[in-house]
């Protein structure tokens, strides 16, 4: 498995990837990722990556900066092919995205998940994310059922010890004195 920046050469495979996602995963995507034009527009943008198994996309991550007064915050989006979950791809993509966000100067990185995604919550927790908000009945799935949404946050300035533990600061090449 390789993680590479999303380029135009990956868009067809990314569209196929999104086409394989179960309806539950599609509910949690903000954009209509089944619309090829939306996906093609992401190619060559910074902070968008795909995990490749040979030429097949098996995971996607992006960190999108929030606008205006929140431009120090990045929103992490992550999805892994259901056949490849719990193999470390999500963790590797999330760690890659977090590293890039810190390099880009983000002081806070947030991720939104359905509150019942226990494995994802645990994985993000192990990367130094902590609960920041619970929004009850905030998600309506494709069957009309309401679900809670949880926002996790990684506060870069307050979680250096967590970052040291998972190796992010070493990966960034940051010195103790730079913190």
C-alpha atoms as a PDB file:
ATOM      1  CA  UNK A   1       0.000   0.000   0.000  1.00  0.00           C
ATOM      2  CA  UNK A   2       1.250   3.450  -0.955  1.00  0.00           C
ATOM      3  CA  UNK A   3      -0.063   6.835   0.077  1.00  0.00           C
ATOM      4  CA  UNK A   4       0.259   9.418  -2.669  1.00  0.00           C
ATOM      5  CA  UNK A   5      -1.021  12.903  -3.345  1.00  0.00           C
ATOM      6  CA  UNK A   6      -4.261  12.783  -5.289  1.00  0.00           C
ATOM      7  CA  UNK A   7      -3.580  13.589  -8.921  1.00  0.00           C
ATOM      8  CA  UNK A   8      -5.588  13.543 -12.105  1.00  0.00           C
ATOM      9  CA  UNK A   9      -4.233  10.076 -12.859  1.00  0.00           C
ATOM     10  CA  UNK A  10      -6.090   8.749  -9.781  1.00  0.00           C
ATOM     11  CA  UNK A  11      -9.528  10.255 -10.399  1.00  0.00           C
ATOM     12  CA  UNK A  12     -11.039   7.287 -12.258  1.00  0.00           C
ATOM     13  CA  UNK A  13      -9.853   4.903  -9.530  1.00  0.00           C
ATOM     14  CA  UNK A  14     -11.142   7.295  -6.850  1.00  0.00           C
ATOM     15  CA  UNK A  15     -14.559   7.457  -8.517  1.00  0.00           C
ATOM     16  CA  UNK A  16     -14.610   3.637  -8.585  1.00  0.00           C
ATOM     17  CA  UNK A  17     -13.604   3.609  -4.903  1.00  0.00           C
ATOM     18  CA  UNK A  18     -16.475   5.902  -3.923  1.00  0.00           C
ATOM     19  CA  UNK A  19     -18.810   3.753  -6.032  1.00  0.00           C
ATOM     20  CA  UNK A  20     -17.891   0.724  -3.872  1.00  0.00           C
ATOM     21  CA  UNK A  21     -18.691   2.433  -0.578  1.00  0.00           C
ATOM     22  CA  UNK A  22     -21.712   1.212   1.355  1.00  0.00           C
ATOM     23  CA  UNK A  23     -24.669   3.578   1.687  1.00  0.00           C
ATOM     24  CA  UNK A  24     -23.811   4.195   5.352  1.00  0.00           C
ATOM     25  CA  UNK A  25     -20.415   5.611   4.373  1.00  0.00           C
ATOM     26  CA  UNK A  26     -21.951   7.790   1.679  1.00  0.00           C
ATOM     27  CA  UNK A  27     -24.299   9.257   4.294  1.00  0.00           C
ATOM     28  CA  UNK A  28     -21.289  10.540   6.200  1.00  0.00           C
ATOM     29  CA  UNK A  29     -19.731  12.305   3.199  1.00  0.00           C
ATOM     30  CA  UNK A  30     -20.552  15.995   2.828  1.00  0.00           C
ATOM     31  CA  UNK A  31     -20.291  16.037  -0.936  1.00  0.00           C
ATOM     32  CA  UNK A  32     -22.030  13.756  -3.374  1.00  0.00           C
ATOM     33  CA  UNK A  33     -18.971  11.606  -4.086  1.00  0.00           C
ATOM     34  CA  UNK A  34     -20.972   9.576  -6.588  1.00  0.00           C
ATOM     35  CA  UNK A  35     -20.881  12.670  -8.830  1.00  0.00           C
ATOM     36  CA  UNK A  36     -17.679  12.393 -10.935  1.00  0.00           C
ATOM     37  CA  UNK A  37     -17.365  16.160 -11.458  1.00  0.00           C
ATOM     38  CA  UNK A  38     -17.143  16.754  -7.716  1.00  0.00           C
ATOM     39  CA  UNK A  39     -14.392  14.164  -7.341  1.00  0.00           C
ATOM     40  CA  UNK A  40     -12.436  15.308 -10.402  1.00  0.00           C
ATOM     41  CA  UNK A  41     -12.296  18.816  -8.941  1.00  0.00           C
ATOM     42  CA  UNK A  42     -10.150  17.551  -6.062  1.00  0.00           C
ATOM     43  CA  UNK A  43      -7.301  16.372  -8.274  1.00  0.00           C
ATOM     44  CA  UNK A  44      -4.054  18.245  -7.811  1.00  0.00           C
ATOM     45  CA  UNK A  45      -5.386  20.154  -4.804  1.00  0.00           C
ATOM     46  CA  UNK A  46      -3.067  20.234  -1.821  1.00  0.00           C
ATOM     47  CA  UNK A  47      -3.836  18.081   1.212  1.00  0.00           C
ATOM     48  CA  UNK A  48      -5.712  15.306  -0.637  1.00  0.00           C
ATOM     49  CA  UNK A  49      -4.305  11.774  -0.641  1.00  0.00           C
ATOM     50  CA  UNK A  50      -5.215   8.294  -1.737  1.00  0.00           C
ATOM     51  CA  UNK A  51      -4.034   4.940  -0.436  1.00  0.00           C
ATOM     52  CA  UNK A  52      -3.271   2.662  -3.356  1.00  0.00           C
ATOM     53  CA  UNK A  53      -3.183  -1.111  -3.504  1.00  0.00           C
ATOM     54  CA  UNK A  54      -1.441  -1.455  -6.845  1.00  0.00           C
ATOM     55  CA  UNK A  55      -3.590   0.960  -8.896  1.00  0.00           C
ATOM     56  CA  UNK A  56      -6.814   0.544  -6.912  1.00  0.00           C
ATOM     57  CA  UNK A  57      -7.763   3.244  -4.421  1.00  0.00           C
ATOM     58  CA  UNK A  58      -8.477   1.672  -1.026  1.00  0.00           C
ATOM     59  CA  UNK A  59      -8.525   4.845   1.078  1.00  0.00           C
ATOM     60  CA  UNK A  60      -8.926   8.604   0.817  1.00  0.00           C
ATOM     61  CA  UNK A  61      -7.970  11.438   3.157  1.00  0.00           C
ATOM     62  CA  UNK A  62      -8.097  15.205   2.931  1.00  0.00           C
ATOM     63  CA  UNK A  63      -7.507  18.115   5.264  1.00  0.00           C
ATOM     64  CA  UNK A  64      -9.536  21.123   4.284  1.00  0.00           C
ATOM     65  CA  UNK A  65      -8.727  24.460   5.904  1.00  0.00           C
ATOM     66  CA  UNK A  66     -11.673  26.238   7.423  1.00  0.00           C
ATOM     67  CA  UNK A  67     -12.324  29.765   6.141  1.00  0.00           C
ATOM     68  CA  UNK A  68     -11.640  33.204   7.570  1.00  0.00           C
ATOM     69  CA  UNK A  69     -11.223  33.459  11.316  1.00  0.00           C
ATOM     70  CA  UNK A  70     -10.870  29.678  11.574  1.00  0.00           C
ATOM     71  CA  UNK A  71      -8.144  29.321   8.946  1.00  0.00           C
ATOM     72  CA  UNK A  72      -5.818  27.849  11.589  1.00  0.00           C
ATOM     73  CA  UNK A  73      -8.172  24.838  11.758  1.00  0.00           C
ATOM     74  CA  UNK A  74      -8.135  21.935   9.329  1.00  0.00           C
ATOM     75  CA  UNK A  75     -11.027  19.522   8.866  1.00  0.00           C
ATOM     76  CA  UNK A  76      -9.838  15.956   8.330  1.00  0.00           C
ATOM     77  CA  UNK A  77     -11.901  13.683   6.129  1.00  0.00           C
ATOM     78  CA  UNK A  78     -11.076  10.008   5.921  1.00  0.00           C
ATOM     79  CA  UNK A  79     -12.668   6.942   4.394  1.00  0.00           C
ATOM     80  CA  UNK A  80     -11.309   3.430   3.840  1.00  0.00           C
ATOM     81  CA  UNK A  81     -12.714   0.704   1.613  1.00  0.00           C
ATOM     82  CA  UNK A  82     -14.788  -1.604   3.812  1.00  0.00           C
ATOM     83  CA  UNK A  83     -12.793  -4.642   2.618  1.00  0.00           C
ATOM     84  CA  UNK A  84      -9.562  -3.018   3.862  1.00  0.00           C
ATOM     85  CA  UNK A  85     -10.677  -1.707   7.255  1.00  0.00           C
ATOM     86  CA  UNK A  86      -8.831  -2.615  10.441  1.00  0.00           C
ATOM     87  CA  UNK A  87      -5.640  -3.233   8.471  1.00  0.00           C
ATOM     88  CA  UNK A  88      -3.916   0.027   9.454  1.00  0.00           C
ATOM     89  CA  UNK A  89      -4.743   1.955   6.282  1.00  0.00           C
ATOM     90  CA  UNK A  90      -7.000   4.433   8.088  1.00  0.00           C
ATOM     91  CA  UNK A  91      -4.423   5.016  10.809  1.00  0.00           C
ATOM     92  CA  UNK A  92      -1.657   5.507   8.261  1.00  0.00           C
ATOM     93  CA  UNK A  93      -3.764   7.930   6.209  1.00  0.00           C
ATOM     94  CA  UNK A  94      -4.897   9.843   9.314  1.00  0.00           C
ATOM     95  CA  UNK A  95      -1.346  10.119  10.603  1.00  0.00           C
ATOM     96  CA  UNK A  96      -0.136  11.278   7.188  1.00  0.00           C
ATOM     97  CA  UNK A  97      -2.896  13.901   7.038  1.00  0.00           C
ATOM     98  CA  UNK A  98      -2.213  15.079  10.595  1.00  0.00           C
ATOM     99  CA  UNK A  99       1.512  15.410   9.844  1.00  0.00           C
ATOM    100  CA  UNK A 100       0.805  17.449   6.727  1.00  0.00           C
ATOM    101  CA  UNK A 101      -1.697  19.653   8.567  1.00  0.00           C
ATOM    102  CA  UNK A 102       0.858  20.490  11.251  1.00  0.00           C
ATOM    103  CA  UNK A 103       3.481  21.238   8.581  1.00  0.00           C
ATOM    104  CA  UNK A 104       0.948  23.551   6.901  1.00  0.00           C
ATOM    105  CA  UNK A 105       0.570  25.510  10.141  1.00  0.00           C
ATOM    106  CA  UNK A 106      -2.767  24.181  11.358  1.00  0.00           C
ATOM    107  CA  UNK A 107      -3.029  24.618  15.120  1.00  0.00           C
ATOM    108  CA  UNK A 108      -6.133  22.472  15.393  1.00  0.00           C
ATOM    109  CA  UNK A 109      -7.399  19.549  13.319  1.00  0.00           C
ATOM    110  CA  UNK A 110     -10.980  18.332  13.665  1.00  0.00           C
ATOM    111  CA  UNK A 111     -12.792  15.275  12.410  1.00  0.00           C
ATOM    112  CA  UNK A 112     -16.521  14.533  12.486  1.00  0.00           C
ATOM    113  CA  UNK A 113     -17.771  10.975  12.931  1.00  0.00           C
ATOM    114  CA  UNK A 114     -21.006   9.197  13.625  1.00  0.00           C
ATOM    115  CA  UNK A 115     -20.929   8.636  17.385  1.00  0.00           C
ATOM    116  CA  UNK A 116     -21.388   4.884  16.936  1.00  0.00           C
ATOM    117  CA  UNK A 117     -18.166   4.441  14.910  1.00  0.00           C
ATOM    118  CA  UNK A 118     -16.318   2.903  17.852  1.00  0.00           C
ATOM    119  CA  UNK A 119     -13.236   1.706  15.964  1.00  0.00           C
ATOM    120  CA  UNK A 120     -12.723   5.065  14.255  1.00  0.00           C
ATOM    121  CA  UNK A 121     -13.186   6.894  17.570  1.00  0.00           C
ATOM    122  CA  UNK A 122     -10.566   4.680  19.192  1.00  0.00           C
ATOM    123  CA  UNK A 123      -8.149   5.097  16.292  1.00  0.00           C
ATOM    124  CA  UNK A 124      -8.417   8.892  16.331  1.00  0.00           C
ATOM    125  CA  UNK A 125      -8.130   8.877  20.126  1.00  0.00           C
ATOM    126  CA  UNK A 126      -4.841   7.003  19.832  1.00  0.00           C
ATOM    127  CA  UNK A 127      -3.612   9.785  17.533  1.00  0.00           C
ATOM    128  CA  UNK A 128      -4.252  12.469  20.144  1.00  0.00           C
ATOM    129  CA  UNK A 129      -7.773  13.523  19.150  1.00  0.00           C
ATOM    130  CA  UNK A 130     -10.247  14.172  21.938  1.00  0.00           C
ATOM    131  CA  UNK A 131     -13.980  14.713  22.083  1.00  0.00           C
ATOM    132  CA  UNK A 132     -15.016  18.308  21.587  1.00  0.00           C
ATOM    133  CA  UNK A 133     -18.699  18.226  20.728  1.00  0.00           C
ATOM    134  CA  UNK A 134     -21.615  15.835  20.565  1.00  0.00           C
ATOM    135  CA  UNK A 135     -24.463  16.863  18.300  1.00  0.00           C
ATOM    136  CA  UNK A 136     -27.522  14.752  18.986  1.00  0.00           C
ATOM    137  CA  UNK A 137     -29.640  13.583  16.031  1.00  0.00           C
ATOM    138  CA  UNK A 138     -27.422  15.600  13.692  1.00  0.00           C
ATOM    139  CA  UNK A 139     -27.066  13.019  10.899  1.00  0.00           C
ATOM    140  CA  UNK A 140     -29.951  11.594   8.885  1.00  0.00           C
ATOM    141  CA  UNK A 141     -28.980   8.391   7.116  1.00  0.00           C
ATOM    142  CA  UNK A 142     -30.436   7.280   3.793  1.00  0.00           C
ATOM    143  CA  UNK A 143     -33.217   5.378   5.570  1.00  0.00           C
ATOM    144  CA  UNK A 144     -34.227   8.520   7.485  1.00  0.00           C
ATOM    145  CA  UNK A 145     -32.810   7.386  10.833  1.00  0.00           C
ATOM    146  CA  UNK A 146     -31.225  10.052  13.006  1.00  0.00           C
ATOM    147  CA  UNK A 147     -27.752   9.514  14.449  1.00  0.00           C
ATOM    148  CA  UNK A 148     -25.500  11.470  16.735  1.00  0.00           C
ATOM    149  CA  UNK A 149     -22.410  13.186  15.382  1.00  0.00           C
ATOM    150  CA  UNK A 150     -19.256  13.595  17.435  1.00  0.00           C
ATOM    151  CA  UNK A 151     -16.528  16.108  16.682  1.00  0.00           C
ATOM    152  CA  UNK A 152     -13.031  15.191  17.766  1.00  0.00           C
ATOM    153  CA  UNK A 153     -10.211  17.727  17.890  1.00  0.00           C
ATOM    154  CA  UNK A 154      -6.452  17.475  17.905  1.00  0.00           C
ATOM    155  CA  UNK A 155      -5.051  20.592  19.585  1.00  0.00           C
ATOM    156  CA  UNK A 156      -1.543  20.748  18.187  1.00  0.00           C
ATOM    157  CA  UNK A 157      -0.089  23.044  20.877  1.00  0.00           C
ATOM    158  CA  UNK A 158      -1.564  20.981  23.712  1.00  0.00           C
ATOM    159  CA  UNK A 159      -0.858  17.478  22.482  1.00  0.00           C
ATOM    160  CA  UNK A 160       2.887  17.388  21.832  1.00  0.00           C
ATOM    161  CA  UNK A 161       3.286  14.548  24.283  1.00  0.00           C
ATOM    162  CA  UNK A 162       0.712  12.558  22.313  1.00  0.00           C
ATOM    163  CA  UNK A 163       2.460  13.489  19.089  1.00  0.00           C
ATOM    164  CA  UNK A 164       5.799  12.305  20.498  1.00  0.00           C
ATOM    165  CA  UNK A 165       4.179   9.029  21.506  1.00  0.00           C
ATOM    166  CA  UNK A 166       2.884   8.319  17.992  1.00  0.00           C
ATOM    167  CA  UNK A 167       6.018   9.628  16.295  1.00  0.00           C
ATOM    168  CA  UNK A 168       4.506  12.624  14.514  1.00  0.00           C
ATOM    169  CA  UNK A 169       6.959  15.201  15.868  1.00  0.00           C
ATOM    170  CA  UNK A 170       9.917  13.019  14.864  1.00  0.00           C
ATOM    171  CA  UNK A 171       8.382  12.572  11.423  1.00  0.00           C
ATOM    172  CA  UNK A 172       8.086  16.351  11.149  1.00  0.00           C
ATOM    173  CA  UNK A 173      11.694  16.800  12.226  1.00  0.00           C
ATOM    174  CA  UNK A 174      10.701  19.159  15.016  1.00  0.00           C
ATOM    175  CA  UNK A 175      13.161  19.793  17.794  1.00  0.00           C
ATOM    176  CA  UNK A 176      12.137  19.887  21.452  1.00  0.00           C
ATOM    177  CA  UNK A 177      13.107  23.580  21.586  1.00  0.00           C
ATOM    178  CA  UNK A 178      10.830  24.404  18.622  1.00  0.00           C
ATOM    179  CA  UNK A 179       7.774  23.490  20.622  1.00  0.00           C
END
